[in-house]
Amino acid sequence: MKPLRHWLFSTCRFFYAIKTKQLQWHTKHHAQQARLKHAQRLAHQEIIETLTLRGAQLEHDLAVLKTTHKAQLLMLKTQCKQDIKDYQAYLAALDKLKVAIQASYQHLPEAVAFTIHHHAKQLLNALWIAETVEEKLRCELRLIHFMNAVHEDASVSFDDADALTSLPQKTLALLQQPLL
């Protein structure tokens, strides 16, 4: 029984020695562990604050983008409405030119007046579907040149005594040019 007791005391002393060393180690390093835990909590808090600020910044940026896009959309809608009004005004002007040609050249077949009108509409449509500024300007100049020729031909026929047999020469010459 003595060896058993001796073994039991040795084992208990061994465990107490281990616990004592652990306690000494914890006591010795307690301040360092406390600093590390404190630094970890501060880093965690800093990350939370950074993420909160970043989230707020992203929400602000998103709100600015939404407002900007809303304003751009409104401007684009307004511009499209104005473009439609302009297009309708152009069409009305082309109709007036067709009527002026029909009045000036009453002897012309109606199909010729419609052909002139149709060509002017093709020029207008080419202007409207042009994608680059240079292309739009080129199409606009062709349309203006064509409408000017139609107007000049209509004006000449009023002053010309041979209006009953004459033709809108400038307009017909422009009709023979390719559209592109």
N, C-alpha and C. Protein backbone atom coordinates (compact mmCIF):
# COMPACT_ATOMS: atom_id res chain seq x y z
N MET A 1 0.79 -1.17 0.00
CA MET A 1 0.00 0.00 0.00
C MET A 1 0.86 1.27 0.00
N LYS A 2 2.03 1.16 0.61
CA LYS A 2 2.93 2.27 0.62
C LYS A 2 3.35 2.64 -0.81
N PRO A 3 3.70 1.69 -1.65
CA PRO A 3 4.07 2.10 -3.00
C PRO A 3 2.90 2.77 -3.73
N LEU A 4 1.74 2.30 -3.46
CA LEU A 4 0.58 2.89 -4.13
C LEU A 4 0.37 4.33 -3.65
N ARG A 5 0.54 4.53 -2.36
CA ARG A 5 0.38 5.87 -1.82
C ARG A 5 1.50 6.77 -2.36
N HIS A 6 2.71 6.22 -2.37
CA HIS A 6 3.85 6.98 -2.87
C HIS A 6 3.61 7.36 -4.36
N TRP A 7 3.16 6.42 -5.12
CA TRP A 7 2.87 6.67 -6.52
C TRP A 7 1.76 7.73 -6.65
N LEU A 8 0.73 7.65 -5.84
CA LEU A 8 -0.38 8.59 -5.85
C LEU A 8 0.10 10.00 -5.49
N PHE A 9 0.96 10.12 -4.45
CA PHE A 9 1.50 11.42 -4.07
C PHE A 9 2.39 11.99 -5.17
N SER A 10 3.18 11.12 -5.77
CA SER A 10 4.06 11.57 -6.86
C SER A 10 3.23 12.09 -8.04
N THR A 11 2.20 11.34 -8.33
CA THR A 11 1.33 11.76 -9.43
C THR A 11 0.66 13.09 -9.10
N CYS A 12 0.18 13.25 -7.90
CA CYS A 12 -0.47 14.52 -7.49
C CYS A 12 0.53 15.66 -7.53
N ARG A 13 1.78 15.40 -7.01
CA ARG A 13 2.80 16.43 -7.04
C ARG A 13 3.12 16.82 -8.50
N PHE A 14 3.16 15.83 -9.36
CA PHE A 14 3.43 16.08 -10.78
C PHE A 14 2.36 16.99 -11.37
N PHE A 15 1.09 16.66 -11.12
CA PHE A 15 -0.01 17.50 -11.64
C PHE A 15 0.01 18.89 -11.02
N TYR A 16 0.32 18.98 -9.70
CA TYR A 16 0.40 20.28 -9.05
C TYR A 16 1.56 21.09 -9.63
N ALA A 17 2.66 20.42 -9.94
CA ALA A 17 3.80 21.12 -10.52
C ALA A 17 3.43 21.67 -11.90
N ILE A 18 2.74 20.84 -12.66
CA ILE A 18 2.29 21.31 -13.99
C ILE A 18 1.35 22.49 -13.83
N LYS A 19 0.40 22.39 -12.91
CA LYS A 19 -0.55 23.50 -12.69
C LYS A 19 0.19 24.74 -12.20
N THR A 20 1.17 24.55 -11.36
CA THR A 20 1.94 25.69 -10.86
C THR A 20 2.70 26.35 -11.99
N LYS A 21 3.32 25.55 -12.86
CA LYS A 21 4.03 26.12 -14.01
C LYS A 21 3.06 26.86 -14.94
N GLN A 22 1.90 26.27 -15.14
CA GLN A 22 0.89 26.95 -15.98
C GLN A 22 0.46 28.26 -15.34
N LEU A 23 0.25 28.25 -14.04
CA LEU A 23 -0.16 29.45 -13.33
C LEU A 23 0.94 30.51 -13.41
N GLN A 24 2.19 30.07 -13.24
CA GLN A 24 3.32 31.01 -13.35
C GLN A 24 3.40 31.58 -14.77
N TRP A 25 3.23 30.71 -15.75
CA TRP A 25 3.28 31.18 -17.14
C TRP A 25 2.18 32.19 -17.40
N HIS A 26 0.95 31.87 -16.95
CA HIS A 26 -0.19 32.79 -17.15
C HIS A 26 0.04 34.10 -16.41
N THR A 27 0.59 34.01 -15.21
CA THR A 27 0.85 35.22 -14.43
C THR A 27 1.90 36.07 -15.13
N LYS A 28 2.95 35.40 -15.60
CA LYS A 28 4.04 36.09 -16.27
C LYS A 28 3.57 36.74 -17.59
N HIS A 29 2.69 36.07 -18.32
CA HIS A 29 2.27 36.55 -19.64
C HIS A 29 0.86 37.18 -19.65
N HIS A 30 0.30 37.36 -18.46
CA HIS A 30 -1.06 37.91 -18.37
C HIS A 30 -1.15 39.30 -19.04
N ALA A 31 -0.21 40.15 -18.77
CA ALA A 31 -0.25 41.52 -19.32
C ALA A 31 -0.17 41.47 -20.85
N GLN A 32 0.71 40.60 -21.36
CA GLN A 32 0.85 40.48 -22.81
C GLN A 32 -0.43 39.94 -23.43
N GLN A 33 -1.05 38.95 -22.81
CA GLN A 33 -2.31 38.40 -23.33
C GLN A 33 -3.42 39.45 -23.27
N ALA A 34 -3.44 40.22 -22.21
CA ALA A 34 -4.45 41.28 -22.09
C ALA A 34 -4.26 42.31 -23.20
N ARG A 35 -2.99 42.68 -23.48
CA ARG A 35 -2.72 43.63 -24.56
C ARG A 35 -3.16 43.06 -25.91
N LEU A 36 -2.85 41.78 -26.14
CA LEU A 36 -3.24 41.15 -27.40
C LEU A 36 -4.76 41.11 -27.57
N LYS A 37 -5.47 40.75 -26.49
CA LYS A 37 -6.94 40.73 -26.56
C LYS A 37 -7.49 42.13 -26.80
N HIS A 38 -6.87 43.12 -26.12
CA HIS A 38 -7.31 44.50 -26.31
C HIS A 38 -7.05 44.95 -27.75
N ALA A 39 -5.86 44.63 -28.27
CA ALA A 39 -5.53 44.99 -29.65
C ALA A 39 -6.46 44.29 -30.62
N GLN A 40 -6.81 43.04 -30.34
CA GLN A 40 -7.74 42.31 -31.20
C GLN A 40 -9.12 42.96 -31.19
N ARG A 41 -9.60 43.36 -30.02
CA ARG A 41 -10.90 44.05 -29.94
C ARG A 41 -10.85 45.39 -30.67
N LEU A 42 -9.74 46.13 -30.53
CA LEU A 42 -9.61 47.41 -31.23
C LEU A 42 -9.57 47.21 -32.75
N ALA A 43 -8.83 46.19 -33.20
CA ALA A 43 -8.77 45.91 -34.63
C ALA A 43 -10.14 45.52 -35.16
N HIS A 44 -10.85 44.71 -34.38
CA HIS A 44 -12.21 44.29 -34.77
C HIS A 44 -13.12 45.52 -34.86
N GLN A 45 -13.03 46.39 -33.86
CA GLN A 45 -13.85 47.61 -33.86
C GLN A 45 -13.47 48.51 -35.03
N GLU A 46 -12.18 48.61 -35.31
CA GLU A 46 -11.72 49.44 -36.43
C GLU A 46 -12.23 48.89 -37.75
N ILE A 47 -12.21 47.59 -37.93
CA ILE A 47 -12.73 46.97 -39.15
C ILE A 47 -14.22 47.26 -39.29
N ILE A 48 -14.96 47.15 -38.19
CA ILE A 48 -16.40 47.43 -38.23
C ILE A 48 -16.63 48.89 -38.62
N GLU A 49 -15.88 49.82 -38.04
CA GLU A 49 -16.03 51.24 -38.37
C GLU A 49 -15.68 51.50 -39.83
N THR A 50 -14.59 50.88 -40.29
CA THR A 50 -14.17 51.05 -41.69
C THR A 50 -15.25 50.53 -42.63
N LEU A 51 -15.76 49.35 -42.33
CA LEU A 51 -16.82 48.79 -43.19
C LEU A 51 -18.09 49.64 -43.15
N THR A 52 -18.41 50.17 -41.99
CA THR A 52 -19.59 51.04 -41.87
C THR A 52 -19.39 52.30 -42.72
N LEU A 53 -18.20 52.92 -42.59
CA LEU A 53 -17.93 54.12 -43.38
C LEU A 53 -17.93 53.80 -44.88
N ARG A 54 -17.33 52.68 -45.25
CA ARG A 54 -17.29 52.29 -46.66
C ARG A 54 -18.71 52.03 -47.18
N GLY A 55 -19.53 51.38 -46.36
CA GLY A 55 -20.92 51.14 -46.75
C GLY A 55 -21.68 52.45 -46.95
N ALA A 56 -21.46 53.40 -46.04
CA ALA A 56 -22.11 54.70 -46.17
C ALA A 56 -21.62 55.42 -47.43
N GLN A 57 -20.32 55.33 -47.70
CA GLN A 57 -19.77 55.95 -48.91
C GLN A 57 -20.35 55.32 -50.16
N LEU A 58 -20.47 54.00 -50.16
CA LEU A 58 -21.05 53.31 -51.32
C LEU A 58 -22.52 53.68 -51.51
N GLU A 59 -23.26 53.79 -50.41
CA GLU A 59 -24.66 54.22 -50.51
C GLU A 59 -24.75 55.63 -51.09
N HIS A 60 -23.85 56.51 -50.64
CA HIS A 60 -23.83 57.87 -51.16
C HIS A 60 -23.50 57.87 -52.65
N ASP A 61 -22.46 57.11 -53.03
CA ASP A 61 -22.08 57.03 -54.44
C ASP A 61 -23.23 56.48 -55.29
N LEU A 62 -23.91 55.48 -54.77
CA LEU A 62 -25.05 54.91 -55.49
C LEU A 62 -26.17 55.93 -55.64
N ALA A 63 -26.44 56.68 -54.58
CA ALA A 63 -27.48 57.71 -54.66
C ALA A 63 -27.11 58.78 -55.69
N VAL A 64 -25.83 59.17 -55.71
CA VAL A 64 -25.37 60.16 -56.69
C VAL A 64 -25.53 59.61 -58.10
N LEU A 65 -25.13 58.36 -58.31
CA LEU A 65 -25.27 57.74 -59.63
C LEU A 65 -26.72 57.66 -60.06
N LYS A 66 -27.60 57.27 -59.13
CA LYS A 66 -29.03 57.20 -59.46
C LYS A 66 -29.55 58.57 -59.85
N THR A 67 -29.18 59.58 -59.10
CA THR A 67 -29.64 60.94 -59.40
C THR A 67 -29.10 61.40 -60.76
N THR A 68 -27.82 61.12 -60.99
CA THR A 68 -27.20 61.51 -62.27
C THR A 68 -27.88 60.80 -63.43
N HIS A 69 -28.09 59.50 -63.27
CA HIS A 69 -28.74 58.75 -64.35
C HIS A 69 -30.19 59.20 -64.56
N LYS A 70 -30.87 59.53 -63.47
CA LYS A 70 -32.24 60.02 -63.60
C LYS A 70 -32.26 61.34 -64.37
N ALA A 71 -31.32 62.22 -64.05
CA ALA A 71 -31.24 63.51 -64.74
C ALA A 71 -30.87 63.31 -66.22
N GLN A 72 -29.92 62.41 -66.48
CA GLN A 72 -29.53 62.14 -67.86
C GLN A 72 -30.69 61.54 -68.65
N LEU A 73 -31.43 60.65 -68.02
CA LEU A 73 -32.59 60.05 -68.68
C LEU A 73 -33.64 61.11 -68.99
N LEU A 74 -33.89 62.00 -68.04
CA LEU A 74 -34.86 63.08 -68.27
C LEU A 74 -34.39 63.98 -69.41
N MET A 75 -33.09 64.31 -69.43
CA MET A 75 -32.56 65.14 -70.52
C MET A 75 -32.69 64.42 -71.86
N LEU A 76 -32.40 63.12 -71.86
CA LEU A 76 -32.49 62.35 -73.11
C LEU A 76 -33.94 62.28 -73.59
N LYS A 77 -34.88 62.08 -72.66
CA LYS A 77 -36.30 62.05 -73.04
C LYS A 77 -36.72 63.39 -73.61
N THR A 78 -36.29 64.48 -72.97
CA THR A 78 -36.63 65.81 -73.45
C THR A 78 -36.02 66.05 -74.83
N GLN A 79 -34.76 65.63 -75.00
CA GLN A 79 -34.10 65.78 -76.29
C GLN A 79 -34.82 64.96 -77.36
N CYS A 80 -35.23 63.74 -77.02
CA CYS A 80 -35.95 62.91 -78.00
C CYS A 80 -37.29 63.53 -78.37
N LYS A 81 -37.99 64.08 -77.39
CA LYS A 81 -39.26 64.75 -77.69
C LYS A 81 -39.04 65.93 -78.62
N GLN A 82 -37.97 66.70 -78.35
CA GLN A 82 -37.66 67.84 -79.22
C GLN A 82 -37.26 67.35 -80.61
N ASP A 83 -36.49 66.26 -80.68
CA ASP A 83 -36.11 65.70 -81.98
C ASP A 83 -37.35 65.27 -82.77
N ILE A 84 -38.32 64.69 -82.08
CA ILE A 84 -39.57 64.28 -82.76
C ILE A 84 -40.31 65.50 -83.28
N LYS A 85 -40.37 66.57 -82.46
CA LYS A 85 -41.02 67.80 -82.92
C LYS A 85 -40.29 68.37 -84.14
N ASP A 86 -38.94 68.36 -84.07
CA ASP A 86 -38.16 68.86 -85.20
C ASP A 86 -38.41 68.01 -86.45
N TYR A 87 -38.46 66.71 -86.28
CA TYR A 87 -38.70 65.80 -87.39
C TYR A 87 -40.08 66.08 -88.01
N GLN A 88 -41.08 66.27 -87.14
CA GLN A 88 -42.41 66.58 -87.64
C GLN A 88 -42.43 67.92 -88.38
N ALA A 89 -41.67 68.88 -87.86
CA ALA A 89 -41.59 70.19 -88.53
C ALA A 89 -40.92 70.05 -89.91
N TYR A 90 -39.86 69.24 -89.96
CA TYR A 90 -39.21 68.97 -91.25
C TYR A 90 -40.21 68.33 -92.23
N LEU A 91 -40.95 67.35 -91.75
CA LEU A 91 -41.92 66.69 -92.63
C LEU A 91 -42.97 67.68 -93.12
N ALA A 92 -43.42 68.55 -92.25
CA ALA A 92 -44.40 69.56 -92.65
C ALA A 92 -43.79 70.50 -93.71
N ALA A 93 -42.51 70.87 -93.53
CA ALA A 93 -41.85 71.72 -94.51
C ALA A 93 -41.71 71.00 -95.84
N LEU A 94 -41.40 69.70 -95.79
CA LEU A 94 -41.29 68.93 -97.03
C LEU A 94 -42.64 68.83 -97.73
N ASP A 95 -43.71 68.70 -96.96
CA ASP A 95 -45.05 68.68 -97.56
C ASP A 95 -45.35 70.01 -98.25
N LYS A 96 -44.92 71.12 -97.62
CA LYS A 96 -45.14 72.44 -98.23
C LYS A 96 -44.35 72.57 -99.53
N LEU A 97 -43.12 72.03 -99.54
CA LEU A 97 -42.32 72.06 -100.77
C LEU A 97 -42.99 71.24 -101.87
N LYS A 98 -43.56 70.11 -101.50
CA LYS A 98 -44.25 69.28 -102.49
C LYS A 98 -45.44 70.05 -103.07
N VAL A 99 -46.18 70.72 -102.21
CA VAL A 99 -47.32 71.52 -102.67
C VAL A 99 -46.84 72.67 -103.56
N ALA A 100 -45.71 73.27 -103.18
CA ALA A 100 -45.17 74.38 -103.99
C ALA A 100 -44.75 73.87 -105.37
N ILE A 101 -44.13 72.71 -105.43
CA ILE A 101 -43.74 72.13 -106.73
C ILE A 101 -45.00 71.83 -107.54
N GLN A 102 -46.01 71.24 -106.91
CA GLN A 102 -47.25 70.92 -107.63
C GLN A 102 -47.92 72.19 -108.14
N ALA A 103 -47.88 73.26 -107.34
CA ALA A 103 -48.50 74.51 -107.76
C ALA A 103 -47.69 75.19 -108.86
N SER A 104 -46.36 75.10 -108.75
CA SER A 104 -45.49 75.76 -109.72
C SER A 104 -45.45 75.02 -111.05
N TYR A 105 -45.49 73.70 -110.98
CA TYR A 105 -45.40 72.87 -112.18
C TYR A 105 -46.66 72.02 -112.29
N GLN A 106 -47.75 72.67 -112.59
CA GLN A 106 -49.04 71.97 -112.64
C GLN A 106 -49.09 70.94 -113.77
N HIS A 107 -48.26 71.13 -114.77
CA HIS A 107 -48.25 70.19 -115.90
C HIS A 107 -47.48 68.90 -115.55
N LEU A 108 -46.70 68.92 -114.46
CA LEU A 108 -45.93 67.72 -114.08
C LEU A 108 -46.88 66.63 -113.60
N PRO A 109 -46.56 65.40 -113.91
CA PRO A 109 -47.36 64.32 -113.34
C PRO A 109 -47.22 64.32 -111.81
N GLU A 110 -48.27 63.94 -111.15
CA GLU A 110 -48.28 63.93 -109.69
C GLU A 110 -47.17 63.01 -109.15
N ALA A 111 -46.84 61.98 -109.88
CA ALA A 111 -45.81 61.04 -109.45
C ALA A 111 -44.45 61.71 -109.33
N VAL A 112 -44.17 62.70 -110.18
CA VAL A 112 -42.88 63.40 -110.11
C VAL A 112 -42.81 64.22 -108.82
N ALA A 113 -43.88 64.88 -108.48
CA ALA A 113 -43.92 65.65 -107.23
C ALA A 113 -43.76 64.71 -106.04
N PHE A 114 -44.42 63.56 -106.11
CA PHE A 114 -44.28 62.58 -105.02
C PHE A 114 -42.85 62.02 -104.97
N THR A 115 -42.23 61.86 -106.11
CA THR A 115 -40.85 61.36 -106.14
C THR A 115 -39.91 62.38 -105.51
N ILE A 116 -40.12 63.65 -105.83
CA ILE A 116 -39.30 64.71 -105.22
C ILE A 116 -39.51 64.71 -103.71
N HIS A 117 -40.76 64.62 -103.31
CA HIS A 117 -41.09 64.59 -101.88
C HIS A 117 -40.46 63.37 -101.21
N HIS A 118 -40.55 62.23 -101.87
CA HIS A 118 -39.99 60.98 -101.32
C HIS A 118 -38.47 61.08 -101.18
N HIS A 119 -37.82 61.66 -102.15
CA HIS A 119 -36.37 61.82 -102.08
C HIS A 119 -35.99 62.72 -100.90
N ALA A 120 -36.74 63.80 -100.74
CA ALA A 120 -36.48 64.71 -99.61
C ALA A 120 -36.67 63.96 -98.28
N LYS A 121 -37.69 63.10 -98.19
CA LYS A 121 -37.91 62.31 -96.97
C LYS A 121 -36.76 61.32 -96.74
N GLN A 122 -36.23 60.76 -97.82
CA GLN A 122 -35.08 59.85 -97.68
C GLN A 122 -33.87 60.60 -97.15
N LEU A 123 -33.65 61.79 -97.65
CA LEU A 123 -32.55 62.61 -97.13
C LEU A 123 -32.76 62.93 -95.65
N LEU A 124 -34.00 63.25 -95.30
CA LEU A 124 -34.32 63.55 -93.91
C LEU A 124 -34.10 62.31 -93.03
N ASN A 125 -34.54 61.17 -93.50
CA ASN A 125 -34.36 59.93 -92.72
C ASN A 125 -32.87 59.59 -92.58
N ALA A 126 -32.10 59.82 -93.65
CA ALA A 126 -30.65 59.58 -93.57
C ALA A 126 -30.03 60.49 -92.52
N LEU A 127 -30.51 61.72 -92.45
CA LEU A 127 -30.05 62.66 -91.43
C LEU A 127 -30.38 62.14 -90.04
N TRP A 128 -31.58 61.63 -89.88
CA TRP A 128 -32.03 61.20 -88.55
C TRP A 128 -31.35 59.93 -88.07
N ILE A 129 -30.97 59.05 -88.98
CA ILE A 129 -30.35 57.79 -88.53
C ILE A 129 -28.84 57.85 -88.54
N ALA A 130 -28.27 58.96 -89.00
CA ALA A 130 -26.81 59.10 -89.00
C ALA A 130 -26.29 59.00 -87.57
N GLU A 131 -25.18 58.30 -87.42
CA GLU A 131 -24.67 58.04 -86.07
C GLU A 131 -23.58 59.01 -85.65
N THR A 132 -22.77 59.47 -86.58
CA THR A 132 -21.69 60.39 -86.20
C THR A 132 -22.10 61.82 -86.53
N VAL A 133 -21.45 62.75 -85.88
CA VAL A 133 -21.74 64.17 -86.09
C VAL A 133 -21.39 64.57 -87.52
N GLU A 134 -20.26 64.05 -88.01
CA GLU A 134 -19.85 64.39 -89.37
C GLU A 134 -20.88 63.89 -90.39
N GLU A 135 -21.36 62.67 -90.17
CA GLU A 135 -22.36 62.10 -91.08
C GLU A 135 -23.66 62.90 -91.02
N LYS A 136 -24.05 63.30 -89.81
CA LYS A 136 -25.27 64.12 -89.66
C LYS A 136 -25.12 65.45 -90.40
N LEU A 137 -23.97 66.08 -90.26
CA LEU A 137 -23.75 67.36 -90.94
C LEU A 137 -23.77 67.19 -92.45
N ARG A 138 -23.15 66.13 -92.93
CA ARG A 138 -23.14 65.88 -94.38
C ARG A 138 -24.57 65.67 -94.88
N CYS A 139 -25.35 64.88 -94.17
CA CYS A 139 -26.75 64.63 -94.57
C CYS A 139 -27.58 65.90 -94.48
N GLU A 140 -27.34 66.69 -93.46
CA GLU A 140 -28.09 67.94 -93.30
C GLU A 140 -27.78 68.90 -94.45
N LEU A 141 -26.51 68.98 -94.83
CA LEU A 141 -26.15 69.85 -95.95
C LEU A 141 -26.79 69.38 -97.26
N ARG A 142 -26.84 68.06 -97.46
CA ARG A 142 -27.48 67.54 -98.68
C ARG A 142 -28.98 67.87 -98.67
N LEU A 143 -29.62 67.72 -97.51
CA LEU A 143 -31.05 68.02 -97.41
C LEU A 143 -31.30 69.51 -97.66
N ILE A 144 -30.49 70.36 -97.05
CA ILE A 144 -30.65 71.80 -97.25
C ILE A 144 -30.42 72.16 -98.72
N HIS A 145 -29.40 71.57 -99.30
CA HIS A 145 -29.11 71.83 -100.72
C HIS A 145 -30.28 71.39 -101.60
N PHE A 146 -30.84 70.22 -101.30
CA PHE A 146 -31.97 69.71 -102.08
C PHE A 146 -33.19 70.60 -101.91
N MET A 147 -33.51 70.96 -100.66
CA MET A 147 -34.69 71.80 -100.41
C MET A 147 -34.52 73.17 -101.05
N ASN A 148 -33.29 73.69 -101.03
CA ASN A 148 -33.01 74.97 -101.67
C ASN A 148 -33.23 74.87 -103.18
N ALA A 149 -32.79 73.77 -103.77
CA ALA A 149 -32.98 73.57 -105.22
C ALA A 149 -34.48 73.50 -105.55
N VAL A 150 -35.24 72.78 -104.73
CA VAL A 150 -36.69 72.68 -104.95
C VAL A 150 -37.32 74.07 -104.85
N HIS A 151 -36.91 74.81 -103.84
CA HIS A 151 -37.47 76.16 -103.65
C HIS A 151 -37.09 77.08 -104.81
N GLU A 152 -35.85 77.01 -105.25
CA GLU A 152 -35.42 77.84 -106.39
C GLU A 152 -36.20 77.47 -107.65
N ASP A 153 -36.36 76.16 -107.88
CA ASP A 153 -37.12 75.74 -109.06
C ASP A 153 -38.56 76.23 -108.99
N ALA A 154 -39.15 76.17 -107.79
CA ALA A 154 -40.53 76.65 -107.65
C ALA A 154 -40.60 78.16 -107.86
N SER A 155 -39.60 78.88 -107.38
CA SER A 155 -39.58 80.34 -107.54
C SER A 155 -39.36 80.73 -108.99
N VAL A 156 -38.49 80.01 -109.67
CA VAL A 156 -38.20 80.31 -111.08
C VAL A 156 -39.44 80.10 -111.93
N SER A 157 -40.22 79.09 -111.62
CA SER A 157 -41.39 78.81 -112.45
C SER A 157 -42.44 79.91 -112.34
N PHE A 158 -42.49 80.62 -111.22
CA PHE A 158 -43.44 81.73 -111.09
C PHE A 158 -43.02 82.89 -111.98
N ASP A 159 -41.73 83.08 -112.10
CA ASP A 159 -41.22 84.21 -112.90
C ASP A 159 -41.10 83.87 -114.38
N ASP A 160 -41.07 82.58 -114.69
CA ASP A 160 -40.81 82.12 -116.06
C ASP A 160 -42.11 82.07 -116.86
N ALA A 161 -42.04 82.59 -118.05
CA ALA A 161 -43.22 82.56 -118.92
C ALA A 161 -43.44 81.17 -119.48
N ASP A 162 -42.37 80.38 -119.56
CA ASP A 162 -42.47 79.02 -120.10
C ASP A 162 -42.75 78.00 -118.99
N ALA A 163 -43.34 78.42 -117.90
CA ALA A 163 -43.56 77.55 -116.75
C ALA A 163 -44.45 76.36 -117.09
N LEU A 164 -45.31 76.54 -118.08
CA LEU A 164 -46.22 75.45 -118.43
C LEU A 164 -45.49 74.27 -119.06
N THR A 165 -44.30 74.53 -119.62
CA THR A 165 -43.56 73.44 -120.27
C THR A 165 -42.22 73.16 -119.60
N SER A 166 -41.80 74.00 -118.67
CA SER A 166 -40.49 73.80 -118.06
C SER A 166 -40.55 72.73 -116.97
N LEU A 167 -39.36 72.30 -116.58
CA LEU A 167 -39.23 71.28 -115.54
C LEU A 167 -38.36 71.81 -114.41
N PRO A 168 -38.50 71.27 -113.22
CA PRO A 168 -37.63 71.69 -112.11
C PRO A 168 -36.24 71.09 -112.31
N GLN A 169 -35.42 71.76 -113.12
CA GLN A 169 -34.14 71.22 -113.57
C GLN A 169 -33.17 70.91 -112.42
N LYS A 170 -32.98 71.86 -111.51
CA LYS A 170 -32.04 71.63 -110.41
C LYS A 170 -32.47 70.45 -109.54
N THR A 171 -33.75 70.40 -109.27
CA THR A 171 -34.27 69.31 -108.42
C THR A 171 -34.09 67.97 -109.10
N LEU A 172 -34.43 67.91 -110.38
CA LEU A 172 -34.30 66.64 -111.10
C LEU A 172 -32.83 66.23 -111.23
N ALA A 173 -31.94 67.20 -111.34
CA ALA A 173 -30.50 66.87 -111.39
C ALA A 173 -30.04 66.28 -110.06
N LEU A 174 -30.53 66.83 -108.97
CA LEU A 174 -30.15 66.30 -107.65
C LEU A 174 -30.77 64.91 -107.41
N LEU A 175 -31.91 64.67 -108.01
CA LEU A 175 -32.54 63.35 -107.86
C LEU A 175 -31.70 62.25 -108.52
N GLN A 176 -30.95 62.63 -109.50
CA GLN A 176 -30.14 61.65 -110.23
C GLN A 176 -28.85 61.31 -109.50
N GLN A 177 -28.48 62.10 -108.48
CA GLN A 177 -27.28 61.80 -107.69
C GLN A 177 -27.59 60.69 -106.70
N PRO A 178 -26.59 59.83 -106.42
CA PRO A 178 -26.83 58.76 -105.43
C PRO A 178 -27.06 59.36 -104.04
N LEU A 179 -27.86 58.66 -103.25
CA LEU A 179 -28.25 59.15 -101.92
C LEU A 179 -27.08 59.13 -100.97
N LEU A 180 -26.22 58.15 -101.09
CA LEU A 180 -25.08 58.06 -100.17
C LEU A 180 -24.01 58.95 -100.67
